[in-house]
Every structure is written in C-alpha cells, then in structure tokens.
Amino acid sequence: MTEWLREKALYRARERKVRMNIMVPVSLRDASRQQGINVSKVATEALAELLG
C-alpha cells in the first residue's frame, strides 16, 4: 500500500494543474458551447504543441 501511495504522489506532482484565465471573443465562446468544445482542453493541447 505504501508503494501505491508513493506512486500516486509522484503522479499528482507531475500532473499538477494551475488555473489560468484566457480571453476569447464572446462569439467564439458561444460557438464552442453550442458545439460542446472544451476550450480548456483545446488551449492545453495547443500550448503543448507550441512548446514541443
């Protein structure tokens, strides 16, 4: 059990998330809501791609 807790702690430290505010036009926000697009996920993937 201790090993599992250690692995969980390492995973959580590696995958820690922070809250960031981004500004998008209202029209894009509305369109993304209508289409069920997760803006946070899209922004995260785009940033990861830009950073390599």
C-alpha atoms as a PDB file:
ATOM      1  CA  MET A   1       0.000   0.000   0.000  1.00  0.00           C
ATOM      2  CA  THR A   2       2.837   2.409   0.771  1.00  0.00           C
ATOM      3  CA  GLU A   3       4.295   1.923  -2.709  1.00  0.00           C
ATOM      4  CA  TRP A   4       0.910   2.732  -4.250  1.00  0.00           C
ATOM      5  CA  LEU A   5       0.693   5.946  -2.221  1.00  0.00           C
ATOM      6  CA  ARG A   6       4.205   6.921  -3.327  1.00  0.00           C
ATOM      7  CA  GLU A   7       3.297   6.335  -6.982  1.00  0.00           C
ATOM      8  CA  LYS A   8       0.108   8.340  -6.575  1.00  0.00           C
ATOM      9  CA  ALA A   9       2.020  11.247  -5.016  1.00  0.00           C
ATOM     10  CA  LEU A  10       4.544  11.241  -7.881  1.00  0.00           C
ATOM     11  CA  TYR A  11       1.742  11.193 -10.454  1.00  0.00           C
ATOM     12  CA  ARG A  12      -0.081  14.077  -8.770  1.00  0.00           C
ATOM     13  CA  ALA A  13       3.097  16.156  -8.571  1.00  0.00           C
ATOM     14  CA  ARG A  14       3.813  15.555 -12.259  1.00  0.00           C
ATOM     15  CA  GLU A  15       0.246  16.257 -13.382  1.00  0.00           C
ATOM     16  CA  ARG A  16      -0.396  19.256 -11.124  1.00  0.00           C
ATOM     17  CA  LYS A  17      -2.645  21.833 -12.734  1.00  0.00           C
ATOM     18  CA  VAL A  18      -2.952  25.574 -12.244  1.00  0.00           C
ATOM     19  CA  ARG A  19      -5.821  27.896 -13.035  1.00  0.00           C
ATOM     20  CA  MET A  20      -5.190  30.392 -15.835  1.00  0.00           C
ATOM     21  CA  ASN A  21      -7.534  32.976 -17.283  1.00  0.00           C
ATOM     22  CA  ILE A  22      -7.678  33.386 -21.048  1.00  0.00           C
ATOM     23  CA  MET A  23      -9.643  35.939 -23.009  1.00  0.00           C
ATOM     24  CA  VAL A  24     -11.696  34.824 -26.016  1.00  0.00           C
ATOM     25  CA  PRO A  25     -14.285  36.710 -28.013  1.00  0.00           C
ATOM     26  CA  VAL A  26     -17.883  36.149 -26.938  1.00  0.00           C
ATOM     27  CA  SER A  27     -18.755  34.766 -30.370  1.00  0.00           C
ATOM     28  CA  LEU A  28     -16.095  32.045 -30.035  1.00  0.00           C
ATOM     29  CA  ARG A  29     -17.238  31.229 -26.511  1.00  0.00           C
ATOM     30  CA  ASP A  30     -20.833  30.878 -27.653  1.00  0.00           C
ATOM     31  CA  ALA A  31     -19.906  28.750 -30.671  1.00  0.00           C
ATOM     32  CA  SER A  32     -17.746  26.444 -28.539  1.00  0.00           C
ATOM     33  CA  ARG A  33     -20.596  25.981 -26.059  1.00  0.00           C
ATOM     34  CA  GLN A  34     -23.041  25.149 -28.834  1.00  0.00           C
ATOM     35  CA  GLN A  35     -20.675  22.553 -30.296  1.00  0.00           C
ATOM     36  CA  GLY A  36     -19.681  21.119 -26.905  1.00  0.00           C
ATOM     37  CA  ILE A  37     -15.998  22.018 -27.287  1.00  0.00           C
ATOM     38  CA  ASN A  38     -13.900  22.020 -24.113  1.00  0.00           C
ATOM     39  CA  VAL A  39     -11.946  25.274 -24.510  1.00  0.00           C
ATOM     40  CA  SER A  40      -9.571  24.434 -21.658  1.00  0.00           C
ATOM     41  CA  LYS A  41      -8.623  21.135 -23.288  1.00  0.00           C
ATOM     42  CA  VAL A  42      -8.105  22.780 -26.680  1.00  0.00           C
ATOM     43  CA  ALA A  43      -5.956  25.529 -25.164  1.00  0.00           C
ATOM     44  CA  THR A  44      -3.872  22.989 -23.218  1.00  0.00           C
ATOM     45  CA  GLU A  45      -3.255  20.846 -26.312  1.00  0.00           C
ATOM     46  CA  ALA A  46      -2.374  23.896 -28.433  1.00  0.00           C
ATOM     47  CA  LEU A  47       0.083  25.180 -25.829  1.00  0.00           C
ATOM     48  CA  ALA A  48       1.707  21.739 -25.503  1.00  0.00           C
ATOM     49  CA  GLU A  49       2.081  21.586 -29.287  1.00  0.00           C
ATOM     50  CA  LEU A  50       3.666  25.041 -29.456  1.00  0.00           C
ATOM     51  CA  LEU A  51       6.123  24.179 -26.699  1.00  0.00           C
ATOM     52  CA  GLY A  52       7.100  20.963 -28.440  1.00  0.00           C
END
